[in-house]
Structures are given as C-alpha cells and as structure tokens.
Protein backbone atom coordinates (compact mmCIF):
# COMPACT_ATOMS: atom_id res chain seq x y z
CA MET A 1 -59.92 -50.07 12.61
CA ILE A 2 -57.86 -46.96 13.23
CA PRO A 3 -54.44 -47.94 14.53
CA VAL A 4 -52.84 -45.90 17.29
CA SER A 5 -49.05 -45.69 17.57
CA ARG A 6 -46.97 -45.40 20.70
CA ILE A 7 -43.39 -46.06 21.77
CA ALA A 8 -42.86 -49.64 22.95
CA THR A 9 -41.97 -50.23 26.59
CA LEU A 10 -40.14 -52.99 28.44
CA ALA A 11 -43.53 -54.17 29.70
CA ASP A 12 -44.48 -54.97 26.07
CA ILE A 13 -41.64 -57.49 25.60
CA PRO A 14 -43.52 -60.70 26.50
CA TYR A 15 -46.35 -59.88 24.10
CA LEU A 16 -43.93 -58.65 21.41
CA ASN A 17 -42.03 -61.94 21.51
CA GLN A 18 -45.32 -63.81 21.03
CA LEU A 19 -46.36 -61.46 18.21
CA ILE A 20 -42.99 -61.84 16.46
CA ALA A 21 -43.11 -65.65 16.57
CA LEU A 22 -46.72 -65.73 15.33
CA SER A 23 -45.99 -63.24 12.56
CA VAL A 24 -42.92 -65.13 11.34
CA LYS A 25 -44.69 -68.52 11.48
CA GLU A 26 -47.78 -67.39 9.59
CA LEU A 27 -46.50 -64.76 7.17
CA SER A 28 -43.25 -66.52 6.19
CA LYS A 29 -44.57 -70.04 5.57
CA ASP A 30 -44.96 -69.48 1.83
CA TYR A 31 -41.37 -68.20 1.52
CA TYR A 32 -39.22 -70.35 3.81
CA THR A 33 -39.22 -73.98 4.88
CA PRO A 34 -40.73 -74.87 8.28
CA GLN A 35 -37.21 -75.56 9.56
CA GLN A 36 -35.99 -72.12 8.42
CA VAL A 37 -38.96 -70.45 10.09
CA GLU A 38 -38.42 -72.23 13.42
CA SER A 39 -34.67 -71.64 13.38
CA SER A 40 -35.09 -67.95 12.53
CA ILE A 41 -37.40 -67.50 15.53
CA LYS A 42 -34.87 -69.20 17.78
CA TYR A 43 -31.69 -67.59 16.46
CA ILE A 44 -32.55 -64.32 14.67
CA PHE A 45 -35.96 -62.79 15.31
CA GLY A 46 -37.00 -61.39 18.65
CA VAL A 47 -37.10 -58.14 20.53
CA ASP A 48 -34.01 -55.95 20.33
CA THR A 49 -34.15 -54.26 23.73
CA GLN A 50 -31.67 -51.61 22.58
CA LEU A 51 -34.40 -50.22 20.30
CA ILE A 52 -36.78 -50.00 23.25
CA ALA A 53 -34.10 -48.37 25.44
CA ASP A 54 -33.39 -45.84 22.67
CA GLY A 55 -37.11 -45.02 22.35
CA THR A 56 -37.11 -45.91 18.65
CA TYR A 57 -39.37 -48.98 18.69
CA TYR A 58 -43.10 -48.53 18.21
CA VAL A 59 -46.28 -50.52 18.44
CA LEU A 60 -49.53 -50.02 16.58
CA THR A 61 -52.57 -50.95 18.58
CA ALA A 62 -55.94 -51.81 17.08
CA ASP A 63 -58.96 -53.35 18.71
CA ASP A 64 -57.22 -53.12 22.12
CA THR A 65 -54.29 -55.29 21.03
CA ILE A 66 -50.81 -54.76 19.64
CA ALA A 67 -51.35 -55.44 15.95
CA ALA A 68 -47.88 -54.50 14.67
CA CYS A 69 -44.45 -53.43 15.82
CA GLY A 70 -41.40 -51.92 14.19
CA GLY A 71 -38.72 -49.36 14.65
CA TRP A 72 -35.70 -47.53 13.43
CA SER A 73 -32.21 -47.32 14.79
CA LYS A 74 -29.35 -44.88 14.97
CA ARG A 75 -27.10 -47.89 15.61
CA ASN A 76 -25.18 -50.18 13.27
CA THR A 77 -27.20 -53.41 13.61
CA LEU A 78 -29.33 -54.07 10.51
CA TYR A 79 -31.58 -56.87 11.82
CA GLY A 80 -32.05 -59.42 14.58
CA GLY A 81 -33.12 -59.52 18.21
CA ASP A 82 -31.02 -59.65 21.35
CA GLN A 83 -30.13 -63.31 20.74
CA PHE A 84 -28.52 -62.38 17.39
CA LYS A 85 -26.07 -59.75 18.70
CA GLU A 86 -22.53 -60.63 19.57
CA GLU A 87 -21.02 -57.21 20.26
CA ALA A 88 -21.81 -53.63 21.23
CA ASP A 89 -24.00 -51.74 18.81
CA PRO A 90 -22.15 -48.54 17.82
CA LEU A 91 -23.95 -45.32 16.94
CA LEU A 92 -24.28 -44.15 13.36
CA ASP A 93 -23.52 -40.65 12.09
CA PRO A 94 -26.61 -39.14 10.42
CA ALA A 95 -24.37 -37.01 8.20
CA THR A 96 -22.81 -40.06 6.54
CA ASP A 97 -24.79 -43.17 7.52
CA ALA A 98 -28.24 -44.50 6.74
CA ALA A 99 -30.70 -45.01 9.61
CA ARG A 100 -31.70 -48.63 10.08
CA ILE A 101 -35.35 -49.56 9.64
CA ARG A 102 -35.78 -52.51 12.00
CA ALA A 103 -37.85 -55.39 13.25
CA PHE A 104 -41.22 -54.99 11.54
CA PHE A 105 -43.81 -57.61 12.44
CA VAL A 106 -47.57 -57.66 11.91
CA HIS A 107 -50.06 -59.92 13.63
CA PRO A 108 -51.45 -62.20 10.89
CA ALA A 109 -55.03 -61.16 11.70
CA TYR A 110 -54.05 -57.58 10.75
CA ALA A 111 -51.88 -58.35 7.70
CA ARG A 112 -52.50 -56.51 4.43
CA ARG A 113 -54.29 -53.60 6.11
CA GLY A 114 -51.60 -50.93 5.72
CA LEU A 115 -50.01 -51.30 9.15
CA GLY A 116 -46.55 -51.97 7.71
CA ARG A 117 -46.76 -48.88 5.51
CA THR A 118 -47.96 -46.81 8.48
CA MET A 119 -45.08 -48.06 10.61
CA ILE A 120 -42.48 -47.31 7.93
CA ASN A 121 -43.78 -43.75 7.65
CA ILE A 122 -43.62 -43.29 11.44
CA CYS A 123 -40.05 -44.60 11.58
CA GLU A 124 -38.73 -42.67 8.60
CA GLU A 125 -40.25 -39.45 9.95
CA ALA A 126 -38.68 -40.00 13.38
CA ALA A 127 -35.27 -40.76 11.85
CA ARG A 128 -35.48 -37.62 9.71
CA ARG A 129 -36.08 -35.57 12.86
CA GLU A 130 -32.74 -36.96 14.11
CA GLY A 131 -30.98 -35.82 10.92
CA PHE A 132 -30.96 -39.03 8.86
CA THR A 133 -31.76 -38.69 5.16
CA SER A 134 -31.29 -42.25 3.91
CA PHE A 135 -32.45 -45.61 5.22
CA GLU A 136 -31.33 -49.25 5.11
CA LEU A 137 -33.00 -52.45 6.20
CA GLY A 138 -32.64 -56.19 6.10
CA SER A 139 -35.80 -57.58 4.54
CA THR A 140 -37.17 -61.08 4.72
CA LEU A 141 -38.71 -62.43 1.52
CA PRO A 142 -42.32 -61.69 2.57
CA GLY A 143 -41.45 -58.08 3.45
CA GLU A 144 -39.57 -57.24 0.25
CA PRO A 145 -42.61 -56.27 -1.89
CA LEU A 146 -43.79 -53.71 0.69
CA TYR A 147 -40.35 -52.17 1.07
CA ARG A 148 -39.90 -52.01 -2.70
CA ALA A 149 -43.29 -50.26 -2.98
CA MET A 150 -42.07 -47.77 -0.34
CA GLY A 151 -39.03 -46.79 -2.44
CA TYR A 152 -36.40 -49.22 -1.16
CA GLU A 153 -34.06 -50.94 -3.62
CA ALA A 154 -32.34 -54.28 -3.14
CA ILE A 155 -28.57 -53.89 -2.92
CA GLU A 156 -27.44 -57.32 -1.64
CA GLN A 157 -28.83 -60.72 -0.82
CA HIS A 158 -27.46 -62.79 2.04
CA ASN A 159 -28.00 -66.32 3.22
CA VAL A 160 -27.70 -65.79 6.98
CA PRO A 161 -26.37 -69.00 8.57
CA MET A 162 -27.92 -70.23 11.81
CA PRO A 163 -26.23 -72.48 14.40
CA ASP A 164 -28.34 -75.52 13.47
CA GLY A 165 -27.18 -75.49 9.84
CA GLU A 166 -30.24 -73.75 8.44
CA PHE A 167 -29.97 -70.39 6.69
CA LEU A 168 -32.35 -67.49 6.10
CA GLN A 169 -32.34 -65.46 2.91
CA VAL A 170 -32.29 -61.74 3.77
CA ILE A 171 -32.27 -58.86 1.30
CA LYS A 172 -30.35 -55.71 2.24
CA MET A 173 -32.32 -52.76 0.90
CA ARG A 174 -31.65 -49.03 0.78
CA LYS A 175 -33.76 -45.94 0.25
CA ALA A 176 -31.84 -43.12 -1.39
CA PRO A 177 -31.27 -39.90 0.52
CA GLN A 178 -34.41 -37.89 1.06
CA PRO A 179 -34.10 -34.13 1.61
CA LEU A 180 -34.88 -32.90 5.09
CA GLU A 181 -37.97 -30.70 5.36
CA GLY A 182 -37.22 -27.04 4.84
CA GLY A 183 -34.69 -27.81 2.10
CA VAL A 184 -31.80 -28.53 4.45
C-alpha cells in the first residue's frame, strides 16, 4: 500500500463525513464512552468546508479508497467541523501565530500504518511554505500519542461541553517554532 495524497474537494464531503464517523466510532471507543463518541460526531466532528475552500485539506488514497484525511489552517479555529462553528474564522498571522493542524481521521482498516504521520508531514510542510513556523492542534485522546511522537507538547486540557450534556476531553498541543528552510 503506497498512499497517494491530493487536495480534498467538495465532491469528497459525503465520503469524508462517513469516514470521520467511522474513524471516531472505531478508534475512540477505548478512550471515550459510547455517549461521548456519538455526541462528538453529532456536535463536534465533521467536515470543515472552510479548509476545503482554502485548499488546505488533504486526503490520502490507498487501494482506490480514501483511507485518511487531514489538514492545516491559516485560520483561528483549532478543531471541529462546520456544525461546531458559531462565528467567522479569522485569518492568522504567520509571523506571530501558529498554524492549526486540523481534522485528522483514518479509516480503521488503515489505522497504525503511518498514514497519520504522513498527513502531519504534508500539512506541516504546506504551512511552512505559507510562512508558519509553529503549529497547534486540538487532539483527542487516541491521537495524542502520535502527536507527541511528532514533537507536539500538551499545553492545556479541555472538557468541551456538548449540547446534550456530554463532554469530550481535548488536549491542546503545540509544536515549537521550526526554522524555515534556507535559515530564514
């Protein structure tokens, strides 16, 4: 299996929503209660169409299917799909702000095969080309070990409340500034 990356398109949204729900259900079940998982799919996780419009959301295909998705953002939102946003998403300044690493999901059949690591590298490289030198993300509990292995450090933990009374533990993580290529 050699994954191929490409920028996600609006036509991918129906499959991405299915992939996200499947990924959360299967890969989070050992970390969150069934109620937390279902609520997070309804209220937090889903496609953020702003990432697709900005051209900063990617898919990895393998075996003729989308096996993983993820992106980065030059906007303020740290996590969550369209259903989680309440206001406009302002742009960040690469000179002072950290790029956001966003919305990583892997199909359970392709978990633990390096797709998450590949996607992080793609996103960090793209953000660096736009002038960003540091990165932040909101990690779920199952994602935290990968991000830590990729150089991210936990800086805060949040219990994100959902409208039905459930909450989801999310870890805000940061990767220290990385020099731009060429010593800039």
